[in-house]
Amino acid sequence: PEIPRPPVEEAAKDLLGKEGVALTTLRPSGRAEFGEEVLDVVADGEFIAPGARIKVIRVGGNRVVVTRA
């Protein structure tokens, strides 16, 4: 049987303030890694290159908004 997972918004709220690494170019959306978790994220109005350190500044709905750390 499949293990139930919390909704994205609930799980993402735990990420608020956490730092991670951009895995793809964020222009503005892309993918980022936070520990062992990989998520779709949106950059807060700036281009962020892969490998850049990022920080979660806002979570709303299923959007995880990041900026450079």
N, C-alpha and C. Protein backbone atom coordinates (compact mmCIF):
# COMPACT_ATOMS: atom_id res chain seq x y z
N PRO A 1 0.82 -1.21 0.00
CA PRO A 1 0.00 0.00 0.00
C PRO A 1 0.86 1.26 0.00
N GLU A 2 0.33 2.28 -0.63
CA GLU A 2 1.05 3.55 -0.72
C GLU A 2 0.96 4.31 0.60
N ILE A 3 2.08 4.87 1.01
CA ILE A 3 2.12 5.64 2.26
C ILE A 3 1.61 7.04 1.98
N PRO A 4 0.61 7.52 2.73
CA PRO A 4 0.11 8.87 2.48
C PRO A 4 1.17 9.92 2.80
N ARG A 5 1.24 10.94 1.95
CA ARG A 5 2.19 12.03 2.16
C ARG A 5 1.41 13.30 2.42
N PRO A 6 1.97 14.20 3.23
CA PRO A 6 1.26 15.45 3.49
C PRO A 6 1.17 16.28 2.21
N PRO A 7 0.17 17.15 2.12
CA PRO A 7 0.09 18.03 0.95
C PRO A 7 1.37 18.84 0.80
N VAL A 8 1.68 19.24 -0.43
CA VAL A 8 2.90 19.99 -0.70
C VAL A 8 3.00 21.22 0.19
N GLU A 9 1.91 21.95 0.34
CA GLU A 9 1.94 23.17 1.14
C GLU A 9 2.35 22.88 2.58
N GLU A 10 1.79 21.84 3.15
CA GLU A 10 2.11 21.48 4.54
C GLU A 10 3.58 21.12 4.68
N ALA A 11 4.08 20.30 3.78
CA ALA A 11 5.48 19.88 3.83
C ALA A 11 6.41 21.05 3.55
N ALA A 12 6.02 21.93 2.63
CA ALA A 12 6.87 23.04 2.25
C ALA A 12 6.99 24.09 3.35
N LYS A 13 5.97 24.25 4.19
CA LYS A 13 6.04 25.24 5.27
C LYS A 13 7.21 24.94 6.20
N ASP A 14 7.56 23.66 6.33
CA ASP A 14 8.71 23.29 7.15
C ASP A 14 10.02 23.81 6.55
N LEU A 15 10.00 24.17 5.27
CA LEU A 15 11.20 24.64 4.59
C LEU A 15 11.46 26.13 4.80
N LEU A 16 10.49 26.87 5.28
CA LEU A 16 10.63 28.32 5.42
C LEU A 16 11.91 28.67 6.17
N GLY A 17 12.77 29.48 5.53
CA GLY A 17 14.03 29.89 6.14
C GLY A 17 15.19 28.94 5.89
N LYS A 18 14.91 27.77 5.32
CA LYS A 18 15.98 26.80 5.08
C LYS A 18 16.78 27.18 3.84
N GLU A 19 18.03 26.74 3.82
CA GLU A 19 18.91 26.98 2.68
C GLU A 19 19.11 25.70 1.90
N GLY A 20 19.31 25.87 0.60
CA GLY A 20 19.54 24.74 -0.28
C GLY A 20 20.37 25.17 -1.47
N VAL A 21 20.31 24.37 -2.54
CA VAL A 21 21.10 24.62 -3.74
C VAL A 21 20.21 24.50 -4.96
N ALA A 22 20.33 25.47 -5.88
CA ALA A 22 19.59 25.41 -7.14
C ALA A 22 20.18 24.28 -7.99
N LEU A 23 19.33 23.39 -8.46
CA LEU A 23 19.79 22.29 -9.31
C LEU A 23 19.70 22.66 -10.78
N THR A 24 18.75 23.54 -11.10
CA THR A 24 18.57 24.01 -12.48
C THR A 24 18.58 25.53 -12.45
N THR A 25 18.62 26.14 -13.62
CA THR A 25 18.51 27.59 -13.71
C THR A 25 17.12 27.99 -13.23
N LEU A 26 17.07 28.96 -12.32
CA LEU A 26 15.78 29.46 -11.83
C LEU A 26 15.50 30.76 -12.57
N ARG A 27 14.59 30.71 -13.56
CA ARG A 27 14.26 31.90 -14.35
C ARG A 27 12.79 31.96 -14.67
N PRO A 28 11.87 32.18 -13.83
CA PRO A 28 12.14 32.19 -12.40
C PRO A 28 11.96 30.81 -11.77
N SER A 29 11.35 29.85 -12.49
CA SER A 29 11.10 28.56 -11.82
C SER A 29 12.14 27.53 -12.20
N GLY A 30 12.29 26.53 -11.35
CA GLY A 30 13.23 25.46 -11.59
C GLY A 30 13.19 24.49 -10.42
N ARG A 31 14.28 23.72 -10.27
CA ARG A 31 14.32 22.71 -9.20
C ARG A 31 15.49 23.00 -8.28
N ALA A 32 15.26 22.69 -6.99
CA ALA A 32 16.29 22.92 -5.99
C ALA A 32 16.31 21.78 -4.98
N GLU A 33 17.45 21.63 -4.34
CA GLU A 33 17.63 20.56 -3.36
C GLU A 33 17.80 21.16 -1.97
N PHE A 34 17.05 20.60 -1.03
CA PHE A 34 17.12 21.00 0.38
C PHE A 34 17.39 19.73 1.16
N GLY A 35 18.64 19.50 1.51
CA GLY A 35 19.00 18.23 2.13
C GLY A 35 18.85 17.12 1.10
N GLU A 36 17.99 16.16 1.39
CA GLU A 36 17.76 15.06 0.45
C GLU A 36 16.48 15.26 -0.35
N GLU A 37 15.81 16.39 -0.15
CA GLU A 37 14.53 16.65 -0.82
C GLU A 37 14.72 17.57 -2.01
N VAL A 38 14.16 17.19 -3.15
CA VAL A 38 14.21 18.01 -4.36
C VAL A 38 12.81 18.55 -4.63
N LEU A 39 12.72 19.88 -4.81
CA LEU A 39 11.42 20.52 -5.00
C LEU A 39 11.43 21.47 -6.18
N ASP A 40 10.24 21.73 -6.73
CA ASP A 40 10.07 22.80 -7.70
C ASP A 40 9.98 24.09 -6.92
N VAL A 41 10.76 25.10 -7.33
CA VAL A 41 10.78 26.38 -6.63
C VAL A 41 10.66 27.51 -7.64
N VAL A 42 10.39 28.72 -7.12
CA VAL A 42 10.30 29.93 -7.94
C VAL A 42 11.22 30.98 -7.33
N ALA A 43 12.10 31.56 -8.16
CA ALA A 43 12.99 32.63 -7.68
C ALA A 43 12.18 33.91 -7.52
N ASP A 44 12.53 34.70 -6.54
CA ASP A 44 11.84 35.96 -6.24
C ASP A 44 12.38 37.07 -7.14
N GLY A 45 11.97 37.06 -8.42
CA GLY A 45 12.28 38.14 -9.34
C GLY A 45 13.71 38.23 -9.83
N GLU A 46 14.49 37.17 -9.71
CA GLU A 46 15.85 37.23 -10.21
C GLU A 46 16.25 35.90 -10.84
N PHE A 47 17.21 35.97 -11.74
CA PHE A 47 17.79 34.79 -12.37
C PHE A 47 18.79 34.19 -11.38
N ILE A 48 18.69 32.89 -11.13
CA ILE A 48 19.63 32.22 -10.23
C ILE A 48 20.22 31.02 -10.97
N ALA A 49 21.54 30.97 -11.02
CA ALA A 49 22.25 29.92 -11.76
C ALA A 49 22.29 28.61 -10.98
N PRO A 50 22.41 27.49 -11.69
CA PRO A 50 22.55 26.19 -11.02
C PRO A 50 23.77 26.20 -10.10
N GLY A 51 23.64 25.57 -8.95
CA GLY A 51 24.75 25.51 -7.99
C GLY A 51 24.74 26.63 -6.98
N ALA A 52 23.92 27.66 -7.21
CA ALA A 52 23.86 28.80 -6.28
C ALA A 52 23.16 28.40 -4.99
N ARG A 53 23.64 28.95 -3.87
CA ARG A 53 22.99 28.74 -2.58
C ARG A 53 21.73 29.60 -2.55
N ILE A 54 20.63 29.01 -2.11
CA ILE A 54 19.36 29.71 -2.05
C ILE A 54 18.71 29.53 -0.69
N LYS A 55 17.73 30.39 -0.41
CA LYS A 55 17.01 30.35 0.87
C LYS A 55 15.52 30.51 0.60
N VAL A 56 14.70 29.72 1.29
CA VAL A 56 13.24 29.81 1.15
C VAL A 56 12.76 31.03 1.93
N ILE A 57 12.07 31.95 1.22
CA ILE A 57 11.58 33.17 1.87
C ILE A 57 10.07 33.20 2.01
N ARG A 58 9.38 32.36 1.24
CA ARG A 58 7.91 32.39 1.28
C ARG A 58 7.36 31.07 0.75
N VAL A 59 6.27 30.64 1.35
CA VAL A 59 5.57 29.45 0.88
C VAL A 59 4.09 29.81 0.79
N GLY A 60 3.49 29.59 -0.37
CA GLY A 60 2.07 29.89 -0.53
C GLY A 60 1.45 28.92 -1.52
N GLY A 61 0.38 28.29 -1.12
CA GLY A 61 -0.22 27.28 -2.00
C GLY A 61 0.79 26.19 -2.24
N ASN A 62 1.07 25.91 -3.50
CA ASN A 62 2.10 24.91 -3.79
C ASN A 62 3.38 25.57 -4.31
N ARG A 63 3.52 26.89 -4.06
CA ARG A 63 4.71 27.63 -4.51
C ARG A 63 5.71 27.80 -3.37
N VAL A 64 6.95 27.46 -3.67
CA VAL A 64 8.05 27.67 -2.73
C VAL A 64 8.92 28.75 -3.37
N VAL A 65 8.97 29.93 -2.73
CA VAL A 65 9.68 31.08 -3.29
C VAL A 65 11.04 31.21 -2.61
N VAL A 66 12.09 31.37 -3.44
CA VAL A 66 13.45 31.43 -2.92
C VAL A 66 14.17 32.68 -3.41
N THR A 67 15.26 33.00 -2.71
CA THR A 67 16.16 34.07 -3.12
C THR A 67 17.58 33.57 -2.86
N ARG A 68 18.57 34.31 -3.35
CA ARG A 68 19.96 33.92 -3.08
C ARG A 68 20.23 33.96 -1.59
N ALA A 69 20.98 33.00 -1.10
CA ALA A 69 21.31 32.94 0.34
C ALA A 69 22.47 33.87 0.65
